[in-house]
Amino acid sequence: MSGVALSPIPTTVPVLLSTALGTALCSASANALNQLQEVPYDAQMARTRGRPLVRRAISPAHAAAFAAATGLAGPTLLWMMCNPTTALLGAANIALYAGPYTYMKRRTIWNTWIGAIVGAVPPLMGWTAVGGTLLPSAAATIHHPVSLLHFPSVLTAAAAAPAPDNIVAAIASSGAVVLDNPLAPWVLFALMFSWQFPHFNSLAHFVRSAYAQGGYRMLAVLDPRKNRLVALRHVILLTGICSTLVPLSGLTTWSFALTSLVPNAIWLRAAWRFNKFGSDAHARTVFTHSLWWLPVVLGLMIFHKNNVDWLQWMGLRAAGEEDIEGTAVQK
């Protein structure tokens, strides 16, 4: 739901709930289709032997019916309550997870990269569900290219070009055209894409024997050293995304670049130690940090969301009060 929460477009409760439910249905379908194909391999691993199909708690026919029902209901709900773009993203994610990703898991280490794409698509779905676009409008790109990037105020003292005469002008201010910024939704995608590598690579490290037993082609099994290095690289990349791309996209103010340094530094230190020493204990530390890092960073992004006055939102300051005070000081 990060795409919905960080979008500058206001939404309604029905759209919000439909986005959450539709995305959950798509995820349920993809997981059911994945498990249908992996019953023999899941039975070989202790961590997956408890799955319903392996235990024969449900039959393959029932699982297939569930996958078909949720796979149809999810995109249909998103199409009817949101828009076709969101529905197509949901359907494509089901196909990508149940098809190429599942097929590649026992054949190539690149399955992890495909899986990371699957995990990074939901923020795009949230962004488009409330009316956001994944590409900038032609008018903004041609006539107002500079306004697509949100630089710090100290670098933009000169008067900015006027915003396009559309919904962007009503929502954005000071040249922060978030809706027409091609970075905004794709920064969310990049954040979720990179997060999955330290999250999964650390997990795969301390369960690598199970993956080897099941015959899965995981980097943690085939090249543990590179597995640790990839995890470290993406934590470094995430630090850069938070420090530059997120505020540059206009999703947050530049204060986020500073406050996000704390959780990033904690995770970076753990990833560096995991890469250097490579023990299971260090892997578990990186994995544990990944669990709290994501909600903390997304929470900070919402707190520093651009053009949001939280005091006014909480009712602690009346609308327009700040403008009146500013006018009084100028006089």
C-alpha atoms as a PDB file:
ATOM      1  CA  MET A   1       0.000   0.000   0.000  1.00  0.00           C
ATOM      2  CA  SER A   2       3.016   2.298  -0.104  1.00  0.00           C
ATOM      3  CA  GLY A   3       2.059   3.450  -3.589  1.00  0.00           C
ATOM      4  CA  VAL A   4      -1.355   4.558  -2.342  1.00  0.00           C
ATOM      5  CA  ALA A   5      -0.017   6.220   0.798  1.00  0.00           C
ATOM      6  CA  LEU A   6       2.702   8.179  -0.989  1.00  0.00           C
ATOM      7  CA  SER A   7       0.645   9.228  -3.988  1.00  0.00           C
ATOM      8  CA  PRO A   8      -0.306  12.930  -4.022  1.00  0.00           C
ATOM      9  CA  ILE A   9      -3.734  12.013  -5.413  1.00  0.00           C
ATOM     10  CA  PRO A  10      -6.430  11.700  -2.736  1.00  0.00           C
ATOM     11  CA  THR A  11      -8.269   8.391  -2.715  1.00  0.00           C
ATOM     12  CA  THR A  12     -11.464   6.914  -1.285  1.00  0.00           C
ATOM     13  CA  VAL A  13     -12.010   4.065   1.160  1.00  0.00           C
ATOM     14  CA  PRO A  14     -13.563   1.781  -1.502  1.00  0.00           C
ATOM     15  CA  VAL A  15     -10.541   2.243  -3.797  1.00  0.00           C
ATOM     16  CA  LEU A  16      -8.147   1.727  -0.886  1.00  0.00           C
ATOM     17  CA  LEU A  17      -9.843  -1.488   0.237  1.00  0.00           C
ATOM     18  CA  SER A  18     -10.229  -2.745  -3.328  1.00  0.00           C
ATOM     19  CA  THR A  19      -6.532  -2.192  -4.001  1.00  0.00           C
ATOM     20  CA  ALA A  20      -5.546  -4.087  -0.861  1.00  0.00           C
ATOM     21  CA  LEU A  21      -7.958  -6.957  -1.486  1.00  0.00           C
ATOM     22  CA  GLY A  22      -7.253  -7.187  -5.217  1.00  0.00           C
ATOM     23  CA  THR A  23      -3.502  -7.292  -4.621  1.00  0.00           C
ATOM     24  CA  ALA A  24      -3.944  -9.940  -1.906  1.00  0.00           C
ATOM     25  CA  LEU A  25      -6.050 -12.090  -4.250  1.00  0.00           C
ATOM     26  CA  CYS A  26      -3.396 -11.849  -6.979  1.00  0.00           C
ATOM     27  CA  SER A  27      -0.731 -12.846  -4.467  1.00  0.00           C
ATOM     28  CA  ALA A  28      -2.825 -15.799  -3.252  1.00  0.00           C
ATOM     29  CA  SER A  29      -3.288 -17.055  -6.799  1.00  0.00           C
ATOM     30  CA  ALA A  30       0.404 -16.759  -7.623  1.00  0.00           C
ATOM     31  CA  ASN A  31       1.430 -18.607  -4.457  1.00  0.00           C
ATOM     32  CA  ALA A  32      -1.110 -21.381  -5.025  1.00  0.00           C
ATOM     33  CA  LEU A  33       0.098 -21.901  -8.603  1.00  0.00           C
ATOM     34  CA  ASN A  34       3.701 -21.936  -7.386  1.00  0.00           C
ATOM     35  CA  GLN A  35       3.024 -24.549  -4.702  1.00  0.00           C
ATOM     36  CA  LEU A  36       1.080 -26.716  -7.132  1.00  0.00           C
ATOM     37  CA  GLN A  37       4.214 -27.067  -9.228  1.00  0.00           C
ATOM     38  CA  GLU A  38       6.617 -27.630  -6.351  1.00  0.00           C
ATOM     39  CA  VAL A  39       4.949 -30.349  -4.255  1.00  0.00           C
ATOM     40  CA  PRO A  40       7.680 -32.979  -4.896  1.00  0.00           C
ATOM     41  CA  TYR A  41      10.436 -30.503  -4.064  1.00  0.00           C
ATOM     42  CA  ASP A  42       8.700 -28.975  -1.036  1.00  0.00           C
ATOM     43  CA  ALA A  43       8.403 -32.483   0.408  1.00  0.00           C
ATOM     44  CA  GLN A  44      12.210 -32.717   0.466  1.00  0.00           C
ATOM     45  CA  MET A  45      12.745 -29.613   2.601  1.00  0.00           C
ATOM     46  CA  ALA A  46      11.951 -29.371   6.298  1.00  0.00           C
ATOM     47  CA  ARG A  47      10.885 -25.721   6.035  1.00  0.00           C
ATOM     48  CA  THR A  48       8.228 -26.505   3.389  1.00  0.00           C
ATOM     49  CA  ARG A  49       7.018 -29.959   4.402  1.00  0.00           C
ATOM     50  CA  GLY A  50       4.195 -28.395   6.385  1.00  0.00           C
ATOM     51  CA  ARG A  51       2.535 -26.828   3.348  1.00  0.00           C
ATOM     52  CA  PRO A  52      -1.076 -27.971   2.757  1.00  0.00           C
ATOM     53  CA  LEU A  53      -0.430 -29.727  -0.556  1.00  0.00           C
ATOM     54  CA  VAL A  54       2.568 -31.596   0.819  1.00  0.00           C
ATOM     55  CA  ARG A  55       0.563 -32.734   3.868  1.00  0.00           C
ATOM     56  CA  ARG A  56      -2.366 -33.562   1.577  1.00  0.00           C
ATOM     57  CA  ALA A  57      -4.591 -31.329   3.655  1.00  0.00           C
ATOM     58  CA  ILE A  58      -6.117 -30.230   0.352  1.00  0.00           C
ATOM     59  CA  SER A  59      -6.119 -31.889  -3.039  1.00  0.00           C
ATOM     60  CA  PRO A  60      -4.376 -30.488  -6.140  1.00  0.00           C
ATOM     61  CA  ALA A  61      -7.820 -30.007  -7.700  1.00  0.00           C
ATOM     62  CA  HIS A  62      -8.943 -27.829  -4.791  1.00  0.00           C
ATOM     63  CA  ALA A  63      -5.703 -25.836  -4.936  1.00  0.00           C
ATOM     64  CA  ALA A  64      -6.096 -25.329  -8.684  1.00  0.00           C
ATOM     65  CA  ALA A  65      -9.682 -24.156  -8.199  1.00  0.00           C
ATOM     66  CA  PHE A  66      -8.545 -21.725  -5.507  1.00  0.00           C
ATOM     67  CA  ALA A  67      -5.767 -20.403  -7.749  1.00  0.00           C
ATOM     68  CA  ALA A  68      -8.181 -19.937 -10.662  1.00  0.00           C
ATOM     69  CA  ALA A  69     -10.825 -18.235  -8.512  1.00  0.00           C
ATOM     70  CA  THR A  70      -8.433 -15.803  -6.845  1.00  0.00           C
ATOM     71  CA  GLY A  71      -6.536 -15.259 -10.106  1.00  0.00           C
ATOM     72  CA  LEU A  72      -9.778 -14.200 -11.776  1.00  0.00           C
ATOM     73  CA  ALA A  73     -11.249 -12.272  -8.847  1.00  0.00           C
ATOM     74  CA  GLY A  74      -8.143 -10.177  -8.128  1.00  0.00           C
ATOM     75  CA  PRO A  75      -7.622  -8.568 -11.542  1.00  0.00           C
ATOM     76  CA  THR A  76     -11.404  -8.270 -12.060  1.00  0.00           C
ATOM     77  CA  LEU A  77     -11.797  -6.355  -8.799  1.00  0.00           C
ATOM     78  CA  LEU A  78      -8.860  -4.101  -9.650  1.00  0.00           C
ATOM     79  CA  TRP A  79     -10.279  -3.465 -13.135  1.00  0.00           C
ATOM     80  CA  MET A  80     -13.754  -2.569 -11.890  1.00  0.00           C
ATOM     81  CA  MET A  81     -12.827  -0.555  -8.794  1.00  0.00           C
ATOM     82  CA  CYS A  82      -9.498   0.956  -9.879  1.00  0.00           C
ATOM     83  CA  ASN A  83      -8.485   0.873 -13.544  1.00  0.00           C
ATOM     84  CA  PRO A  84      -7.257  -1.485 -16.298  1.00  0.00           C
ATOM     85  CA  THR A  85      -3.584  -0.603 -15.732  1.00  0.00           C
ATOM     86  CA  THR A  86      -3.657  -1.841 -12.143  1.00  0.00           C
ATOM     87  CA  ALA A  87      -5.544  -4.982 -13.156  1.00  0.00           C
ATOM     88  CA  LEU A  88      -3.036  -5.784 -15.900  1.00  0.00           C
ATOM     89  CA  LEU A  89      -0.131  -5.300 -13.501  1.00  0.00           C
ATOM     90  CA  GLY A  90      -1.766  -7.743 -11.079  1.00  0.00           C
ATOM     91  CA  ALA A  91      -2.417 -10.331 -13.781  1.00  0.00           C
ATOM     92  CA  ALA A  92       1.114  -9.960 -15.159  1.00  0.00           C
ATOM     93  CA  ASN A  93       2.561 -10.494 -11.690  1.00  0.00           C
ATOM     94  CA  ILE A  94       0.619 -13.738 -11.286  1.00  0.00           C
ATOM     95  CA  ALA A  95       1.966 -14.967 -14.605  1.00  0.00           C
ATOM     96  CA  LEU A  96       5.526 -13.881 -13.828  1.00  0.00           C
ATOM     97  CA  TYR A  97       5.594 -15.591 -10.430  1.00  0.00           C
ATOM     98  CA  ALA A  98       3.825 -18.795 -11.432  1.00  0.00           C
ATOM     99  CA  GLY A  99       5.638 -18.994 -14.773  1.00  0.00           C
ATOM    100  CA  PRO A 100       9.226 -17.777 -15.285  1.00  0.00           C
ATOM    101  CA  TYR A 101      10.095 -17.447 -11.585  1.00  0.00           C
ATOM    102  CA  THR A 102       8.895 -20.913 -10.583  1.00  0.00           C
ATOM    103  CA  TYR A 103      10.436 -22.468 -13.699  1.00  0.00           C
ATOM    104  CA  MET A 104      13.816 -20.820 -13.111  1.00  0.00           C
ATOM    105  CA  LYS A 105      14.191 -21.714  -9.421  1.00  0.00           C
ATOM    106  CA  ARG A 106      15.692 -25.124 -10.201  1.00  0.00           C
ATOM    107  CA  ARG A 107      17.588 -23.982 -13.292  1.00  0.00           C
ATOM    108  CA  THR A 108      19.399 -20.675 -12.712  1.00  0.00           C
ATOM    109  CA  ILE A 109      20.341 -18.257  -9.956  1.00  0.00           C
ATOM    110  CA  TRP A 110      18.620 -15.488 -11.917  1.00  0.00           C
ATOM    111  CA  ASN A 111      15.328 -16.665 -10.451  1.00  0.00           C
ATOM    112  CA  THR A 112      16.039 -14.361  -7.508  1.00  0.00           C
ATOM    113  CA  TRP A 113      16.149 -11.325  -9.775  1.00  0.00           C
ATOM    114  CA  ILE A 114      12.841 -12.307 -11.388  1.00  0.00           C
ATOM    115  CA  GLY A 115      11.337 -12.841  -7.940  1.00  0.00           C
ATOM    116  CA  ALA A 116      12.512  -9.381  -6.908  1.00  0.00           C
ATOM    117  CA  ILE A 117      10.603  -7.882  -9.840  1.00  0.00           C
ATOM    118  CA  VAL A 118       7.458  -9.677  -8.669  1.00  0.00           C
ATOM    119  CA  GLY A 119       7.888  -8.242  -5.180  1.00  0.00           C
ATOM    120  CA  ALA A 120       8.465  -4.731  -6.506  1.00  0.00           C
ATOM    121  CA  VAL A 121       5.330  -4.531  -8.679  1.00  0.00           C
ATOM    122  CA  PRO A 122       2.715  -4.015  -5.876  1.00  0.00           C
ATOM    123  CA  PRO A 123       3.880  -0.413  -5.158  1.00  0.00           C
ATOM    124  CA  LEU A 124       3.329   0.342  -8.856  1.00  0.00           C
ATOM    125  CA  MET A 125      -0.161  -1.139  -8.519  1.00  0.00           C
ATOM    126  CA  GLY A 126      -0.888   1.124  -5.563  1.00  0.00           C
ATOM    127  CA  TRP A 127       0.381   4.146  -7.484  1.00  0.00           C
ATOM    128  CA  THR A 128      -1.761   3.469 -10.546  1.00  0.00           C
ATOM    129  CA  ALA A 129      -4.811   2.393  -8.507  1.00  0.00           C
ATOM    130  CA  VAL A 130      -5.414   5.958  -7.315  1.00  0.00           C
ATOM    131  CA  GLY A 131      -4.879   7.460 -10.763  1.00  0.00           C
ATOM    132  CA  GLY A 132      -1.107   7.881 -10.991  1.00  0.00           C
ATOM    133  CA  THR A 133       0.740   7.142 -14.214  1.00  0.00           C
ATOM    134  CA  LEU A 134       3.962   5.219 -14.739  1.00  0.00           C
ATOM    135  CA  LEU A 135       5.255   7.579 -17.433  1.00  0.00           C
ATOM    136  CA  PRO A 136       5.353  11.402 -17.480  1.00  0.00           C
ATOM    137  CA  SER A 137       2.906  13.277 -19.644  1.00  0.00           C
ATOM    138  CA  ALA A 138       4.221  14.651 -22.924  1.00  0.00           C
ATOM    139  CA  ALA A 139       3.364  18.203 -21.865  1.00  0.00           C
ATOM    140  CA  ALA A 140       5.427  18.002 -18.694  1.00  0.00           C
ATOM    141  CA  THR A 141       8.380  16.348 -20.407  1.00  0.00           C
ATOM    142  CA  ILE A 142       8.549  18.844 -23.287  1.00  0.00           C
ATOM    143  CA  HIS A 143       7.528  22.102 -21.661  1.00  0.00           C
ATOM    144  CA  HIS A 144       8.549  21.640 -18.016  1.00  0.00           C
ATOM    145  CA  PRO A 145      11.426  19.132 -17.879  1.00  0.00           C
ATOM    146  CA  VAL A 146      13.177  20.773 -14.924  1.00  0.00           C
ATOM    147  CA  SER A 147      10.071  20.629 -12.748  1.00  0.00           C
ATOM    148  CA  LEU A 148      10.114  16.825 -12.980  1.00  0.00           C
ATOM    149  CA  LEU A 149      12.923  16.796 -10.393  1.00  0.00           C
ATOM    150  CA  HIS A 150      12.521  18.126  -6.866  1.00  0.00           C
ATOM    151  CA  PHE A 151      15.828  19.711  -5.876  1.00  0.00           C
ATOM    152  CA  PRO A 152      16.552  21.091  -2.394  1.00  0.00           C
ATOM    153  CA  SER A 153      15.166  24.586  -1.841  1.00  0.00           C
ATOM    154  CA  VAL A 154      18.664  26.032  -1.500  1.00  0.00           C
ATOM    155  CA  LEU A 155      19.343  25.005  -5.097  1.00  0.00           C
ATOM    156  CA  THR A 156      16.070  26.329  -6.444  1.00  0.00           C
ATOM    157  CA  ALA A 157      16.000  29.888  -5.177  1.00  0.00           C
ATOM    158  CA  ALA A 158      15.231  31.195  -8.630  1.00  0.00           C
ATOM    159  CA  ALA A 159      11.629  31.230  -9.710  1.00  0.00           C
ATOM    160  CA  ALA A 160      10.536  27.892 -11.124  1.00  0.00           C
ATOM    161  CA  ALA A 161       8.649  27.523 -14.387  1.00  0.00           C
ATOM    162  CA  PRO A 162       4.862  27.393 -14.004  1.00  0.00           C
ATOM    163  CA  ALA A 163       3.350  23.941 -13.700  1.00  0.00           C
ATOM    164  CA  PRO A 164       1.193  22.479 -16.485  1.00  0.00           C
ATOM    165  CA  ASP A 165      -2.455  23.447 -16.534  1.00  0.00           C
ATOM    166  CA  ASN A 166      -3.882  20.154 -15.279  1.00  0.00           C
ATOM    167  CA  ILE A 167      -4.397  18.225 -12.040  1.00  0.00           C
ATOM    168  CA  VAL A 168      -0.692  18.517 -11.268  1.00  0.00           C
ATOM    169  CA  ALA A 169      -1.032  22.273 -10.855  1.00  0.00           C
ATOM    170  CA  ALA A 170      -3.756  21.800  -8.291  1.00  0.00           C
ATOM    171  CA  ILE A 171      -1.766  19.375  -6.183  1.00  0.00           C
ATOM    172  CA  ALA A 172       1.889  20.247  -6.610  1.00  0.00           C
ATOM    173  CA  SER A 173       3.571  23.407  -5.453  1.00  0.00           C
ATOM    174  CA  SER A 174       7.017  25.004  -5.844  1.00  0.00           C
ATOM    175  CA  GLY A 175       7.688  22.985  -8.987  1.00  0.00           C
ATOM    176  CA  ALA A 176       7.361  19.627  -7.183  1.00  0.00           C
ATOM    177  CA  VAL A 177       5.363  17.897  -9.880  1.00  0.00           C
ATOM    178  CA  VAL A 178       5.135  14.461  -8.336  1.00  0.00           C
ATOM    179  CA  LEU A 179       2.428  13.121 -10.633  1.00  0.00           C
ATOM    180  CA  ASP A 180       4.379  13.867 -13.782  1.00  0.00           C
ATOM    181  CA  ASN A 181       7.707  12.784 -12.305  1.00  0.00           C
ATOM    182  CA  PRO A 182       8.806   9.506 -13.896  1.00  0.00           C
ATOM    183  CA  LEU A 183      11.014   8.875 -10.876  1.00  0.00           C
ATOM    184  CA  ALA A 184       8.185   8.763  -8.309  1.00  0.00           C
ATOM    185  CA  PRO A 185       6.619   5.328  -8.968  1.00  0.00           C
ATOM    186  CA  TRP A 186       9.863   3.785 -10.177  1.00  0.00           C
ATOM    187  CA  VAL A 187      11.733   4.863  -7.047  1.00  0.00           C
ATOM    188  CA  LEU A 188       9.183   2.856  -5.057  1.00  0.00           C
ATOM    189  CA  PHE A 189       9.805  -0.049  -7.436  1.00  0.00           C
ATOM    190  CA  ALA A 190      13.584   0.270  -7.009  1.00  0.00           C
ATOM    191  CA  LEU A 191      13.268   0.436  -3.227  1.00  0.00           C
ATOM    192  CA  MET A 192      11.256  -2.779  -3.047  1.00  0.00           C
ATOM    193  CA  PHE A 193      13.407  -4.495  -5.695  1.00  0.00           C
ATOM    194  CA  SER A 194      16.673  -3.857  -3.855  1.00  0.00           C
ATOM    195  CA  TRP A 195      15.227  -4.586  -0.398  1.00  0.00           C
ATOM    196  CA  GLN A 196      14.545  -8.177  -1.375  1.00  0.00           C
ATOM    197  CA  PHE A 197      18.196  -9.074  -1.963  1.00  0.00           C
ATOM    198  CA  PRO A 198      19.558  -8.542   1.560  1.00  0.00           C
ATOM    199  CA  HIS A 199      16.255  -9.887   2.886  1.00  0.00           C
ATOM    200  CA  PHE A 200      16.277 -13.093   0.828  1.00  0.00           C
ATOM    201  CA  ASN A 201      20.034 -13.629   0.467  1.00  0.00           C
ATOM    202  CA  SER A 202      20.492 -13.582   4.231  1.00  0.00           C
ATOM    203  CA  LEU A 203      17.570 -15.984   4.683  1.00  0.00           C
ATOM    204  CA  ALA A 204      18.886 -18.271   1.938  1.00  0.00           C
ATOM    205  CA  HIS A 205      22.307 -18.321   3.620  1.00  0.00           C
ATOM    206  CA  PHE A 206      21.163 -19.946   6.841  1.00  0.00           C
ATOM    207  CA  VAL A 207      18.760 -22.352   5.074  1.00  0.00           C
ATOM    208  CA  ARG A 208      21.099 -23.090   2.165  1.00  0.00           C
ATOM    209  CA  SER A 209      21.312 -26.773   3.065  1.00  0.00           C
ATOM    210  CA  ALA A 210      17.538 -27.058   2.596  1.00  0.00           C
ATOM    211  CA  TYR A 211      17.730 -25.385  -0.809  1.00  0.00           C
ATOM    212  CA  ALA A 212      20.567 -27.696  -1.810  1.00  0.00           C
ATOM    213  CA  GLN A 213      18.545 -30.693  -0.673  1.00  0.00           C
ATOM    214  CA  GLY A 214      15.571 -29.553  -2.751  1.00  0.00           C
ATOM    215  CA  GLY A 215      17.725 -28.969  -5.819  1.00  0.00           C
ATOM    216  CA  TYR A 216      17.120 -25.220  -6.029  1.00  0.00           C
ATOM    217  CA  ARG A 217      19.673 -23.089  -7.879  1.00  0.00           C
ATOM    218  CA  MET A 218      20.258 -20.397  -5.289  1.00  0.00           C
ATOM    219  CA  LEU A 219      23.301 -18.145  -5.086  1.00  0.00           C
ATOM    220  CA  ALA A 220      23.667 -19.010  -1.394  1.00  0.00           C
ATOM    221  CA  VAL A 221      24.182 -22.657  -2.398  1.00  0.00           C
ATOM    222  CA  LEU A 222      26.348 -22.205  -5.495  1.00  0.00           C
ATOM    223  CA  ASP A 223      28.458 -19.210  -4.449  1.00  0.00           C
ATOM    224  CA  PRO A 224      27.987 -18.141  -0.791  1.00  0.00           C
ATOM    225  CA  ARG A 225      30.673 -15.443  -1.085  1.00  0.00           C
ATOM    226  CA  LYS A 226      28.917 -13.733  -3.971  1.00  0.00           C
ATOM    227  CA  ASN A 227      25.586 -14.193  -2.220  1.00  0.00           C
ATOM    228  CA  ARG A 228      26.866 -12.119   0.703  1.00  0.00           C
ATOM    229  CA  LEU A 229      28.380  -9.514  -1.617  1.00  0.00           C
ATOM    230  CA  VAL A 230      25.101  -9.055  -3.523  1.00  0.00           C
ATOM    231  CA  ALA A 231      23.299  -8.475  -0.223  1.00  0.00           C
ATOM    232  CA  LEU A 232      25.840  -5.799   0.761  1.00  0.00           C
ATOM    233  CA  ARG A 233      25.653  -4.113  -2.645  1.00  0.00           C
ATOM    234  CA  HIS A 234      21.901  -3.706  -2.411  1.00  0.00           C
ATOM    235  CA  VAL A 235      22.022  -2.292   1.114  1.00  0.00           C
ATOM    236  CA  ILE A 236      24.490   0.297  -0.220  1.00  0.00           C
ATOM    237  CA  LEU A 237      22.162   0.914  -3.163  1.00  0.00           C
ATOM    238  CA  LEU A 238      19.196   1.346  -0.822  1.00  0.00           C
ATOM    239  CA  THR A 239      21.140   3.966   1.116  1.00  0.00           C
ATOM    240  CA  GLY A 240      21.679   5.880  -2.109  1.00  0.00           C
ATOM    241  CA  ILE A 241      18.044   5.536  -3.126  1.00  0.00           C
ATOM    242  CA  CYS A 242      16.880   6.941   0.199  1.00  0.00           C
ATOM    243  CA  SER A 243      19.454   9.724   0.257  1.00  0.00           C
ATOM    244  CA  THR A 244      18.955  10.983  -3.291  1.00  0.00           C
ATOM    245  CA  LEU A 245      16.321   9.413  -5.513  1.00  0.00           C
ATOM    246  CA  VAL A 246      13.424   9.434  -3.041  1.00  0.00           C
ATOM    247  CA  PRO A 247      13.579  13.176  -2.265  1.00  0.00           C
ATOM    248  CA  LEU A 248      14.647  13.999  -5.823  1.00  0.00           C
ATOM    249  CA  SER A 249      11.479  12.331  -7.086  1.00  0.00           C
ATOM    250  CA  GLY A 250       9.353  14.639  -4.953  1.00  0.00           C
ATOM    251  CA  LEU A 251       7.869  11.809  -2.901  1.00  0.00           C
ATOM    252  CA  THR A 252       9.373  13.264   0.283  1.00  0.00           C
ATOM    253  CA  THR A 253      11.115  16.383   1.462  1.00  0.00           C
ATOM    254  CA  TRP A 254      14.899  16.363   1.682  1.00  0.00           C
ATOM    255  CA  SER A 255      14.644  15.848   5.434  1.00  0.00           C
ATOM    256  CA  PHE A 256      14.016  12.181   4.659  1.00  0.00           C
ATOM    257  CA  ALA A 257      17.538  11.918   3.246  1.00  0.00           C
ATOM    258  CA  LEU A 258      18.842  12.730   6.727  1.00  0.00           C
ATOM    259  CA  THR A 259      16.453  10.735   8.939  1.00  0.00           C
ATOM    260  CA  SER A 260      16.762   7.624   6.768  1.00  0.00           C
ATOM    261  CA  LEU A 261      20.523   7.561   7.352  1.00  0.00           C
ATOM    262  CA  VAL A 262      20.000   6.052  10.818  1.00  0.00           C
ATOM    263  CA  PRO A 263      18.217   2.821   9.787  1.00  0.00           C
ATOM    264  CA  ASN A 264      20.392   2.594   6.691  1.00  0.00           C
ATOM    265  CA  ALA A 265      23.582   2.860   8.736  1.00  0.00           C
ATOM    266  CA  ILE A 266      22.426   0.124  11.119  1.00  0.00           C
ATOM    267  CA  TRP A 267      21.579  -2.242   8.280  1.00  0.00           C
ATOM    268  CA  LEU A 268      24.720  -1.346   6.341  1.00  0.00           C
ATOM    269  CA  ARG A 269      26.937  -2.231   9.290  1.00  0.00           C
ATOM    270  CA  ALA A 270      25.205  -5.615   9.652  1.00  0.00           C
ATOM    271  CA  ALA A 271      25.495  -6.317   5.905  1.00  0.00           C
ATOM    272  CA  TRP A 272      29.179  -5.394   5.915  1.00  0.00           C
ATOM    273  CA  ARG A 273      29.851  -7.791   8.821  1.00  0.00           C
ATOM    274  CA  PHE A 274      27.833 -10.517   7.074  1.00  0.00           C
ATOM    275  CA  ASN A 275      29.894 -10.045   3.922  1.00  0.00           C
ATOM    276  CA  LYS A 276      33.164 -10.105   5.866  1.00  0.00           C
ATOM    277  CA  PHE A 277      32.550 -12.987   8.270  1.00  0.00           C
ATOM    278  CA  GLY A 278      29.773 -14.975   6.568  1.00  0.00           C
ATOM    279  CA  SER A 279      28.409 -16.749   9.623  1.00  0.00           C
ATOM    280  CA  ASP A 280      24.816 -17.867  10.076  1.00  0.00           C
ATOM    281  CA  ALA A 281      24.546 -15.519  13.046  1.00  0.00           C
ATOM    282  CA  HIS A 282      25.490 -12.534  10.902  1.00  0.00           C
ATOM    283  CA  ALA A 283      23.033 -13.672   8.237  1.00  0.00           C
ATOM    284  CA  ARG A 284      20.230 -13.818  10.800  1.00  0.00           C
ATOM    285  CA  THR A 285      21.104 -10.309  11.935  1.00  0.00           C
ATOM    286  CA  VAL A 286      20.805  -8.970   8.390  1.00  0.00           C
ATOM    287  CA  PHE A 287      17.513 -10.828   7.941  1.00  0.00           C
ATOM    288  CA  THR A 288      16.127  -9.492  11.229  1.00  0.00           C
ATOM    289  CA  HIS A 289      17.102  -5.952  10.263  1.00  0.00           C
ATOM    290  CA  SER A 290      15.283  -6.367   6.946  1.00  0.00           C
ATOM    291  CA  LEU A 291      12.034  -7.058   8.808  1.00  0.00           C
ATOM    292  CA  TRP A 292      11.978  -3.765  10.717  1.00  0.00           C
ATOM    293  CA  TRP A 293      13.871  -1.653   8.143  1.00  0.00           C
ATOM    294  CA  LEU A 294      11.096  -1.674   5.538  1.00  0.00           C
ATOM    295  CA  PRO A 295       8.209  -0.472   7.753  1.00  0.00           C
ATOM    296  CA  VAL A 296      10.467   2.080   9.439  1.00  0.00           C
ATOM    297  CA  VAL A 297      11.694   3.570   6.149  1.00  0.00           C
ATOM    298  CA  LEU A 298       8.220   3.578   4.593  1.00  0.00           C
ATOM    299  CA  GLY A 299       6.905   5.210   7.757  1.00  0.00           C
ATOM    300  CA  LEU A 300       9.580   7.891   7.508  1.00  0.00           C
ATOM    301  CA  MET A 301       8.654   8.444   3.863  1.00  0.00           C
ATOM    302  CA  ILE A 302       5.030   9.027   4.840  1.00  0.00           C
ATOM    303  CA  PHE A 303       6.084  11.312   7.701  1.00  0.00           C
ATOM    304  CA  HIS A 304       8.231  13.375   5.315  1.00  0.00           C
ATOM    305  CA  LYS A 305       5.724  13.188   2.462  1.00  0.00           C
ATOM    306  CA  ASN A 306       5.937  16.265   0.265  1.00  0.00           C
ATOM    307  CA  ASN A 307       3.291  18.990   0.656  1.00  0.00           C
ATOM    308  CA  VAL A 308       1.712  17.391   3.737  1.00  0.00           C
ATOM    309  CA  ASP A 309       1.158  19.469   6.877  1.00  0.00           C
ATOM    310  CA  TRP A 310       0.817  16.867   9.624  1.00  0.00           C
ATOM    311  CA  LEU A 311      -0.067  19.484  12.274  1.00  0.00           C
ATOM    312  CA  GLN A 312      -2.994  20.578  10.135  1.00  0.00           C
ATOM    313  CA  TRP A 313      -3.900  16.957   9.377  1.00  0.00           C
ATOM    314  CA  MET A 314      -4.046  16.181  13.124  1.00  0.00           C
ATOM    315  CA  GLY A 315      -6.133  19.275  13.774  1.00  0.00           C
ATOM    316  CA  LEU A 316      -3.419  21.075  15.723  1.00  0.00           C
ATOM    317  CA  ARG A 317      -3.270  23.933  13.230  1.00  0.00           C
ATOM    318  CA  ALA A 318      -6.068  25.499  11.236  1.00  0.00           C
ATOM    319  CA  ALA A 319      -5.928  25.528   7.460  1.00  0.00           C
ATOM    320  CA  GLY A 320      -4.143  28.625   6.177  1.00  0.00           C
ATOM    321  CA  GLU A 321      -2.742  29.497   9.604  1.00  0.00           C
ATOM    322  CA  GLU A 322       0.841  29.118   8.445  1.00  0.00           C
ATOM    323  CA  ASP A 323       0.232  31.406   5.458  1.00  0.00           C
ATOM    324  CA  ILE A 324      -1.295  34.062   7.690  1.00  0.00           C
ATOM    325  CA  GLU A 325       1.656  33.904  10.084  1.00  0.00           C
ATOM    326  CA  GLY A 326       4.085  34.159   7.177  1.00  0.00           C
ATOM    327  CA  THR A 327       2.270  37.217   5.822  1.00  0.00           C
ATOM    328  CA  ALA A 328       2.360  38.880   9.236  1.00  0.00           C
ATOM    329  CA  VAL A 329       6.113  38.338   9.539  1.00  0.00           C
ATOM    330  CA  GLN A 330       6.696  39.835   6.106  1.00  0.00           C
ATOM    331  CA  LYS A 331       4.733  42.937   7.075  1.00  0.00           C
END
